Amino acid sequence: MTKTRKILLTLAIVGVTGSLISFGVFAAFSATTSNPNNSLAAGTVSISDNDGGTALYSVSNRKPGDFAESCIQVTYTGSVGNVIKAYRSAFTGGSGLDNYVDLAITKGTGTAADCSDFTGSTSVYSGTLNGLGSNWGSGVALTNGSNQASWSQNDAVTYKVRATLQDNNAAQGLATGTHSLVFEAQSN
């Protein structure tokens, strides 16, 4: 046998063997399953109030014992459960009166800004204006109308906010400066 024939015969044997091996690999049993129509959508966190963008209080030349009082209805319209907290923003242009203003926030029902239809007696906060937290972490946790910490879509609660000037001579001539009462919702 010539050398060329030996090479051709060897190649033929290798080819036949490779074909048999690959036939064995492709002849294996198999099965699959799948679960179709997977998707994911994010929920929303949304909160509003009925103040129309106006201040809850803006008064001047007050004497000890005078107070300003307004009501605000807070409504949660998001789609995921959340926690709502109340806090105040930083004071702009004040001279320290915030230490001499007692702030009371009471939970109830009603929709009138002048609190004429307010009903409720659950105290949410009672302390100085300065003592109210100034960010989410130090804010006051609020419960919904069913006293649950997690608010659901369309939960609405009215809060009566009363700011009273203390009877303290050190308060004369001072001002709080402008600030906001903030209601913030965060998903839980």
Foldseek 3Di string as FASTA:
>chain_A
DDPVVVVVVVVVVVVVVVVVVVCVVVVDDDDDDDDDDDDDDDWDWDKDKDPVPDDLDDDDDDAAFDKGKWKMKMWIAIAFWWWKFKFKAAFDPWDPQQQQKWKWKWKFDDRGGRCPVTDGDHTQDTGGNVQADHDPVRTTIDAFPVRHRIDHHGTMIMMMMMIGGHNDPVNPPTGRHDMDIDMDIDHD
